[in-house]
Amino acid sequence: MISKIPEIDTVELHYFKESDDRKQVSKIPFLKIIDQTLLPGKIEFLYLSETEEIREAIYLLKVRGAPAIGVAAAIGIYVIAERIETENYEEFFKSFDTTKARLASARPTAVNLFWALERMAKVVTENREAGVKVIKGLLKKEAENIRDEDIEACRKIGEHGLSLIKDGDGILTHCNAGRLATVRYGTALAPIHLGREKGYNFRVYTDETRPLLQGARLSAFELYVAGVDTTLICDNMASTVMKKGLIQAVFVGCDRLAANGDVCNKIGTSGVAILAKHYGIPFYSFLPVSTIDMSLKTGDDIVIEERDAGEVTDMWYKEPMAPKGVKVFNPAFDVTDNELITAIVTERGIIRPPFDKGLRDIMGANP
């Protein structure tokens, strides 16, 4: 297994491809990502510049995690826009808008994807008279702003989250909301990483997170190689570790947050929340404000992505592990009711019930 994660950002804007020890320098930019489907066995970087390969990287979870998807979409659409060979605004906009729609179709649930693409589109529509060359430069600046904002937001989320736990606590995580799911630091795992830097010793129990094993492949990996006391468990073992008194808090991320505080996150999150409520364990969701969707009254309004049956029946197995032709239900996310959530942690602060009021206050005039 790889002994460490390279000290680079998960998503980057790059101007050369790395091949062996040689650098092929180019004035044309690339979207550079870590292919997370190969972890933890192999670290491989992808250099993407075409619409379909960027869309595929998002759909196939080569880049994943709501914040990382948003940044990848912003950088990706800039990279594609830079290659549009026209100085005519109408032609440029038509090509840009087609690309935007195609990228948006990759994942229907994570709001950061649409949020980032809309921010980039606003740059194009509000600078119509500036000319295509200027617009391209402004798109680059906006993509870099989105990236830098994510880094700063995650750092602040980590600081707020660290105030909720104490040295030696046991923390249960589900899916991956660490540095691999963002540009840097992470959301739900940021307090653990920051605490480690301060000399805290947390005990982290990581759900494997079926069917794609983001907990086993990603969270357990990044925590273990960072020197955190990490124990991997199957999803159906969460109740047992809670009952034994090994868990003092549950930390999860969020892919979309409704205006009433309902949390949409990786499938299985709601079950963990129900268990935590039963055992009297605080349950915290960590997210940047870009993941908050105030247009949705409740989590019932969120479209849940359903994925291929093969992720349940075939993936990770030498031979199919289920009867051929059996029906499979494979939602990628579920919604955790706000009544099960102790607090929501954002870069702007910690929100406690009633969440509808707290969210309105924290979003203010700058949603």
Protein backbone atom coordinates (compact mmCIF):
# COMPACT_ATOMS: atom_id res chain seq x y z
CA MET A 1 0.00 0.00 0.00
CA ILE A 2 1.08 3.58 -0.60
CA SER A 3 2.72 4.96 2.53
CA LYS A 4 1.56 8.57 2.14
CA ILE A 5 -0.60 10.91 0.09
CA PRO A 6 1.45 13.38 -1.97
CA GLU A 7 1.45 16.90 -0.56
CA ILE A 8 -0.59 18.28 -3.45
CA ASP A 9 -4.15 19.47 -3.79
CA THR A 10 -6.73 16.91 -4.88
CA VAL A 11 -7.85 19.17 -7.75
CA GLU A 12 -5.45 21.48 -9.57
CA LEU A 13 -5.18 23.79 -12.56
CA HIS A 14 -2.09 22.64 -14.41
CA TYR A 15 -0.10 23.76 -17.45
CA PHE A 16 1.93 20.65 -18.23
CA LYS A 17 1.58 16.89 -18.24
CA GLU A 18 3.98 14.86 -16.13
CA SER A 19 5.37 11.79 -17.86
CA ASP A 20 8.16 9.92 -16.11
CA ASP A 21 10.51 12.72 -15.04
CA ARG A 22 9.89 14.91 -18.07
CA LYS A 23 7.64 17.94 -18.24
CA GLN A 24 5.85 18.74 -21.46
CA VAL A 25 5.17 22.45 -21.00
CA SER A 26 2.07 23.92 -22.60
CA LYS A 27 0.33 27.29 -22.63
CA ILE A 28 -2.95 25.40 -22.70
CA PRO A 29 -4.29 24.44 -19.25
CA PHE A 30 -5.37 21.04 -17.94
CA LEU A 31 -7.55 19.88 -15.05
CA LYS A 32 -5.29 17.72 -12.90
CA ILE A 33 -6.88 15.27 -10.44
CA ILE A 34 -5.97 12.20 -8.43
CA ASP A 35 -7.83 9.17 -9.83
CA GLN A 36 -9.59 8.10 -6.64
CA THR A 37 -10.91 4.88 -8.17
CA LEU A 38 -7.36 3.47 -7.97
CA LEU A 39 -6.81 4.24 -4.28
CA PRO A 40 -5.45 2.97 -1.97
CA GLY A 41 -3.30 0.72 -4.15
CA LYS A 42 -2.05 3.28 -6.63
CA ILE A 43 -1.78 7.05 -6.99
CA GLU A 44 -2.26 8.15 -10.58
CA PHE A 45 -2.81 11.67 -11.85
CA LEU A 46 -5.18 12.46 -14.69
CA TYR A 47 -4.72 15.47 -16.99
CA LEU A 48 -8.07 16.31 -18.51
CA SER A 49 -9.04 18.85 -21.14
CA GLU A 50 -12.06 17.49 -23.07
CA THR A 51 -15.71 17.75 -22.06
CA GLU A 52 -16.45 14.04 -22.13
CA GLU A 53 -13.37 12.98 -20.18
CA ILE A 54 -14.06 15.58 -17.48
CA ARG A 55 -17.71 14.54 -17.30
CA GLU A 56 -16.67 10.89 -17.11
CA ALA A 57 -14.20 11.64 -14.31
CA ILE A 58 -17.03 13.19 -12.27
CA TYR A 59 -19.58 10.48 -13.09
CA LEU A 60 -17.20 7.58 -12.44
CA LEU A 61 -16.04 9.16 -9.16
CA LYS A 62 -12.46 9.59 -10.27
CA VAL A 63 -13.00 12.94 -8.59
CA ARG A 64 -15.65 12.92 -5.87
CA GLY A 65 -16.82 14.73 -2.77
CA ALA A 66 -19.15 17.72 -3.16
CA PRO A 67 -16.49 20.46 -2.73
CA ALA A 68 -13.96 18.71 -4.99
CA ILE A 69 -16.59 18.16 -7.68
CA GLY A 70 -17.44 21.87 -7.62
CA VAL A 71 -13.83 22.95 -7.98
CA ALA A 72 -13.19 20.34 -10.68
CA ALA A 73 -16.22 21.59 -12.61
CA ALA A 74 -15.05 25.21 -12.36
CA ILE A 75 -11.50 24.47 -13.47
CA GLY A 76 -12.76 21.98 -16.05
CA ILE A 77 -15.12 24.38 -17.79
CA TYR A 78 -12.39 27.03 -17.86
CA VAL A 79 -9.97 24.52 -19.41
CA ILE A 80 -12.55 23.67 -22.07
CA ALA A 81 -13.45 27.33 -22.68
CA GLU A 82 -9.78 28.16 -23.27
CA ARG A 83 -9.85 25.77 -26.23
CA ILE A 84 -12.90 27.32 -27.92
CA GLU A 85 -11.43 28.81 -31.09
CA THR A 86 -13.58 31.82 -31.86
CA GLU A 87 -13.60 35.51 -31.06
CA ASN A 88 -17.33 35.75 -31.72
CA TYR A 89 -19.23 36.00 -28.44
CA GLU A 90 -22.39 34.24 -29.65
CA GLU A 91 -20.40 31.26 -30.94
CA PHE A 92 -18.33 31.18 -27.77
CA PHE A 93 -21.39 31.33 -25.52
CA LYS A 94 -23.19 28.58 -27.44
CA SER A 95 -20.21 26.25 -27.07
CA PHE A 96 -19.73 27.20 -23.41
CA ASP A 97 -23.41 26.66 -22.58
CA THR A 98 -23.42 23.23 -24.27
CA THR A 99 -20.39 22.22 -22.21
CA LYS A 100 -21.99 23.52 -19.01
CA ALA A 101 -25.12 21.43 -19.59
CA ARG A 102 -23.06 18.34 -20.34
CA LEU A 103 -20.96 18.64 -17.19
CA ALA A 104 -24.03 19.36 -15.07
CA SER A 105 -25.57 16.06 -16.17
CA ALA A 106 -22.74 14.03 -14.61
CA ARG A 107 -24.12 13.93 -11.03
CA PRO A 108 -27.68 15.08 -10.18
CA THR A 109 -27.43 15.29 -6.38
CA ALA A 110 -24.32 17.22 -5.29
CA VAL A 111 -25.28 20.90 -5.40
CA ASN A 112 -21.68 22.17 -5.61
CA LEU A 113 -21.49 20.97 -9.21
CA PHE A 114 -24.33 23.26 -10.30
CA TRP A 115 -23.27 26.08 -7.99
CA ALA A 116 -19.77 26.20 -9.47
CA LEU A 117 -20.98 25.97 -13.07
CA GLU A 118 -23.48 28.79 -12.48
CA ARG A 119 -20.75 31.00 -11.04
CA MET A 120 -18.63 30.39 -14.12
CA ALA A 121 -21.58 31.02 -16.44
CA LYS A 122 -22.28 34.32 -14.70
CA VAL A 123 -18.78 35.49 -15.63
CA VAL A 124 -19.57 34.84 -19.30
CA THR A 125 -23.01 36.49 -19.35
CA GLU A 126 -21.99 39.56 -17.33
CA ASN A 127 -18.95 40.34 -19.50
CA ARG A 128 -20.48 40.02 -22.95
CA GLU A 129 -19.04 43.33 -24.16
CA ALA A 130 -15.52 42.62 -22.89
CA GLY A 131 -14.61 40.19 -25.65
CA VAL A 132 -13.86 36.48 -25.65
CA LYS A 133 -10.17 36.85 -24.77
CA VAL A 134 -10.96 38.90 -21.67
CA ILE A 135 -13.74 36.50 -20.70
CA LYS A 136 -11.32 33.58 -20.80
CA GLY A 137 -9.01 35.42 -18.43
CA LEU A 138 -11.91 36.18 -16.08
CA LEU A 139 -12.99 32.53 -16.15
CA LYS A 140 -9.51 31.49 -15.06
CA LYS A 141 -9.61 33.98 -12.19
CA GLU A 142 -13.06 32.79 -11.08
CA ALA A 143 -11.99 29.12 -11.14
CA GLU A 144 -8.97 30.00 -9.01
CA ASN A 145 -11.21 31.96 -6.63
CA ILE A 146 -13.52 28.96 -6.22
CA ARG A 147 -10.50 26.75 -5.49
CA ASP A 148 -8.99 29.18 -2.97
CA GLU A 149 -12.34 29.71 -1.25
CA ASP A 150 -12.68 25.94 -0.78
CA ILE A 151 -9.26 25.69 0.85
CA GLU A 152 -10.00 28.53 3.27
CA ALA A 153 -13.52 27.25 4.02
CA CYS A 154 -12.25 23.77 4.90
CA ARG A 155 -9.58 25.18 7.20
CA LYS A 156 -12.21 27.17 9.10
CA ILE A 157 -14.59 24.19 9.20
CA GLY A 158 -11.80 22.18 10.80
CA GLU A 159 -11.21 24.83 13.44
CA HIS A 160 -14.90 25.03 14.34
CA GLY A 161 -15.22 21.25 14.42
CA LEU A 162 -12.23 20.84 16.71
CA SER A 163 -14.15 22.75 19.40
CA LEU A 164 -16.75 19.96 19.50
CA ILE A 165 -14.40 17.17 20.62
CA LYS A 166 -11.63 16.56 23.10
CA ASP A 167 -8.36 14.66 23.08
CA GLY A 168 -8.87 10.90 23.12
CA ASP A 169 -12.44 10.92 21.81
CA GLY A 170 -13.72 8.15 19.57
CA ILE A 171 -15.23 9.41 16.32
CA LEU A 172 -17.27 7.47 13.78
CA THR A 173 -17.11 8.53 10.12
CA HIS A 174 -19.12 7.44 7.11
CA CYS A 175 -17.97 7.74 3.48
CA ASN A 176 -15.07 10.14 2.87
CA ALA A 177 -15.19 13.82 3.71
CA GLY A 178 -11.45 14.32 4.08
CA ARG A 179 -8.80 15.99 1.97
CA LEU A 180 -9.56 13.66 -0.94
CA ALA A 181 -13.12 15.03 -1.11
CA THR A 182 -12.02 18.67 -1.21
CA VAL A 183 -9.06 20.61 -2.54
CA ARG A 184 -7.28 20.46 0.82
CA TYR A 185 -8.00 19.64 4.51
CA GLY A 186 -11.47 18.14 4.06
CA THR A 187 -14.75 18.90 5.85
CA ALA A 188 -15.75 16.21 8.36
CA LEU A 189 -12.17 14.94 8.65
CA ALA A 190 -10.60 18.42 8.84
CA PRO A 191 -10.91 18.62 12.67
CA ILE A 192 -9.17 15.25 12.95
CA HIS A 193 -6.28 16.33 10.72
CA LEU A 194 -5.97 19.69 12.50
CA GLY A 195 -6.17 17.99 15.88
CA ARG A 196 -3.39 15.63 14.87
CA GLU A 197 -1.20 18.65 14.08
CA LYS A 198 -1.89 19.98 17.59
CA GLY A 199 -0.94 16.66 19.21
CA TYR A 200 -4.45 15.36 19.87
CA ASN A 201 -4.96 11.61 19.71
CA PHE A 202 -8.40 10.71 18.41
CA ARG A 203 -9.64 7.19 17.83
CA VAL A 204 -11.47 7.07 14.50
CA TYR A 205 -13.81 4.26 13.47
CA THR A 206 -14.43 4.34 9.73
CA ASP A 207 -17.47 2.72 8.13
CA GLU A 208 -16.44 0.89 4.94
CA THR A 209 -19.40 2.60 3.20
CA ARG A 210 -20.93 0.13 0.77
CA PRO A 211 -21.13 -0.30 -2.15
CA LEU A 212 -18.20 1.85 -3.36
CA LEU A 213 -16.16 1.58 -0.15
CA GLN A 214 -15.18 5.23 0.14
CA GLY A 215 -14.63 4.71 3.85
CA ALA A 216 -12.38 1.68 3.41
CA ARG A 217 -10.48 2.87 0.34
CA LEU A 218 -10.26 6.59 1.07
CA SER A 219 -11.01 7.65 4.67
CA ALA A 220 -9.19 4.75 6.31
CA PHE A 221 -6.31 5.28 3.89
CA GLU A 222 -5.84 9.01 4.36
CA LEU A 223 -6.25 8.82 8.16
CA TYR A 224 -3.98 5.79 8.56
CA VAL A 225 -1.12 7.23 6.53
CA ALA A 226 -1.51 10.52 8.45
CA GLY A 227 -0.81 8.64 11.68
CA VAL A 228 -4.35 8.77 13.09
CA ASP A 229 -5.51 5.83 15.24
CA THR A 230 -7.88 4.34 12.65
CA THR A 231 -10.13 1.27 12.84
CA LEU A 232 -12.06 0.11 9.78
CA ILE A 233 -15.47 -1.46 10.38
CA CYS A 234 -18.22 -2.83 8.16
CA ASP A 235 -21.27 -0.59 7.91
CA ASN A 236 -23.37 -3.03 9.95
CA MET A 237 -20.94 -2.84 12.89
CA ALA A 238 -21.69 0.79 13.77
CA SER A 239 -24.30 -0.15 16.38
CA THR A 240 -21.86 -2.47 18.14
CA VAL A 241 -19.06 0.10 18.52
CA MET A 242 -21.60 2.66 19.73
CA LYS A 243 -23.07 0.27 22.28
CA LYS A 244 -19.59 -0.52 23.58
CA GLY A 245 -19.07 3.18 24.37
CA LEU A 246 -16.27 3.56 21.83
CA ILE A 247 -17.89 6.50 20.02
CA GLN A 248 -18.25 10.01 21.45
CA ALA A 249 -19.24 11.78 18.22
CA VAL A 250 -20.26 11.06 14.62
CA PHE A 251 -18.70 13.22 11.89
CA VAL A 252 -20.11 13.12 8.35
CA GLY A 253 -19.98 15.35 5.31
CA CYS A 254 -22.86 16.60 3.17
CA ASP A 255 -23.60 16.71 -0.55
CA ARG A 256 -26.67 18.95 -0.29
CA LEU A 257 -28.33 20.70 2.64
CA ALA A 258 -31.96 21.80 2.48
CA ALA A 259 -33.23 25.02 4.07
CA ASN A 260 -34.70 23.13 7.05
CA GLY A 261 -31.41 21.39 7.86
CA ASP A 262 -32.11 18.02 6.23
CA VAL A 263 -28.76 16.52 5.22
CA CYS A 264 -28.28 14.64 1.96
CA ASN A 265 -25.14 12.55 2.17
CA LYS A 266 -23.73 9.21 1.07
CA ILE A 267 -26.13 6.28 1.35
CA GLY A 268 -26.15 4.86 4.86
CA THR A 269 -25.76 8.20 6.63
CA SER A 270 -29.36 8.30 7.84
CA GLY A 271 -28.99 4.86 9.42
CA VAL A 272 -25.91 6.01 11.32
CA ALA A 273 -27.83 9.07 12.52
CA ILE A 274 -30.68 6.91 13.80
CA LEU A 275 -28.22 4.74 15.73
CA ALA A 276 -26.46 7.79 17.17
CA LYS A 277 -29.80 9.18 18.36
CA HIS A 278 -30.62 5.85 20.04
CA TYR A 279 -27.30 5.75 21.90
CA GLY A 280 -27.28 9.46 22.79
CA ILE A 281 -24.23 10.27 20.66
CA PRO A 282 -23.95 13.73 19.03
CA PHE A 283 -24.19 13.66 15.23
CA TYR A 284 -22.49 16.45 13.27
CA SER A 285 -22.59 17.28 9.55
CA PHE A 286 -19.74 19.33 8.07
CA LEU A 287 -20.07 21.38 4.88
CA PRO A 288 -19.11 24.64 3.19
CA VAL A 289 -21.96 27.12 2.67
CA SER A 290 -21.73 26.37 -1.07
CA THR A 291 -23.41 23.04 -0.26
CA ILE A 292 -26.46 24.76 1.27
CA ASP A 293 -29.44 24.93 -1.09
CA MET A 294 -31.89 27.44 0.36
CA SER A 295 -34.21 26.91 -2.63
CA LEU A 296 -35.17 23.48 -1.24
CA LYS A 297 -37.60 23.55 1.69
CA THR A 298 -36.82 20.00 2.82
CA GLY A 299 -34.71 17.02 1.87
CA ASP A 300 -37.74 15.50 0.15
CA ASP A 301 -37.09 17.93 -2.72
CA ILE A 302 -33.62 16.54 -3.43
CA VAL A 303 -33.20 14.33 -6.50
CA ILE A 304 -31.34 11.19 -5.41
CA GLU A 305 -28.92 9.72 -7.93
CA GLU A 306 -29.36 6.01 -8.66
CA ARG A 307 -26.31 4.18 -9.95
CA ASP A 308 -25.52 1.01 -11.87
CA ALA A 309 -26.50 -2.32 -10.34
CA GLY A 310 -23.03 -3.70 -11.00
CA GLU A 311 -21.66 -1.58 -8.16
CA VAL A 312 -23.62 -3.84 -5.79
CA THR A 313 -23.45 -7.21 -7.55
CA ASP A 314 -20.03 -7.29 -9.27
CA MET A 315 -17.64 -4.60 -8.11
CA TRP A 316 -14.77 -5.77 -5.87
CA TYR A 317 -15.55 -9.45 -6.55
CA LYS A 318 -13.71 -11.91 -8.79
CA GLU A 319 -17.08 -13.38 -9.74
CA PRO A 320 -20.56 -11.83 -9.41
CA MET A 321 -21.77 -12.29 -5.83
CA ALA A 322 -25.52 -12.14 -6.57
CA PRO A 323 -27.89 -14.18 -8.73
CA LYS A 324 -27.81 -13.09 -12.36
CA GLY A 325 -30.85 -10.96 -13.17
CA VAL A 326 -31.81 -10.17 -9.57
CA LYS A 327 -33.29 -6.70 -9.12
CA VAL A 328 -30.99 -4.16 -7.47
CA PHE A 329 -31.79 -0.83 -5.80
CA ASN A 330 -28.69 1.35 -5.68
CA PRO A 331 -29.30 4.95 -4.54
CA ALA A 332 -26.06 6.87 -4.09
CA PHE A 333 -27.38 9.08 -1.28
CA ASP A 334 -30.01 9.28 1.43
CA VAL A 335 -31.50 12.13 3.44
CA THR A 336 -31.03 12.46 7.19
CA ASP A 337 -33.92 14.27 8.91
CA ASN A 338 -32.85 17.44 10.70
CA GLU A 339 -34.27 16.15 14.02
CA LEU A 340 -31.46 13.57 14.08
CA ILE A 341 -28.70 16.18 13.68
CA THR A 342 -27.00 17.78 16.67
CA ALA A 343 -25.30 20.58 14.73
CA ILE A 344 -24.20 21.65 11.27
CA VAL A 345 -20.63 22.92 10.98
CA THR A 346 -19.73 25.46 8.26
CA GLU A 347 -16.89 27.89 7.69
CA ARG A 348 -19.17 30.64 8.99
CA GLY A 349 -19.81 28.89 12.27
CA ILE A 350 -21.74 26.11 14.00
CA ILE A 351 -25.51 26.00 13.46
CA ARG A 352 -27.75 24.36 16.05
CA PRO A 353 -31.53 23.82 16.03
CA PRO A 354 -33.80 25.35 14.95
CA PHE A 355 -31.88 24.93 11.70
CA ASP A 356 -34.23 26.91 9.47
CA LYS A 357 -33.61 30.08 11.49
CA GLY A 358 -29.91 29.33 11.96
CA LEU A 359 -29.40 28.79 8.24
CA ARG A 360 -31.19 32.02 7.35
CA ASP A 361 -29.04 33.90 9.84
CA ILE A 362 -25.75 32.40 8.69
CA MET A 363 -26.51 32.82 5.00
CA GLY A 364 -27.71 36.40 5.51
CA ALA A 365 -27.54 38.60 2.44
CA ASN A 366 -24.76 36.50 0.93
CA PRO A 367 -26.29 33.05 0.21
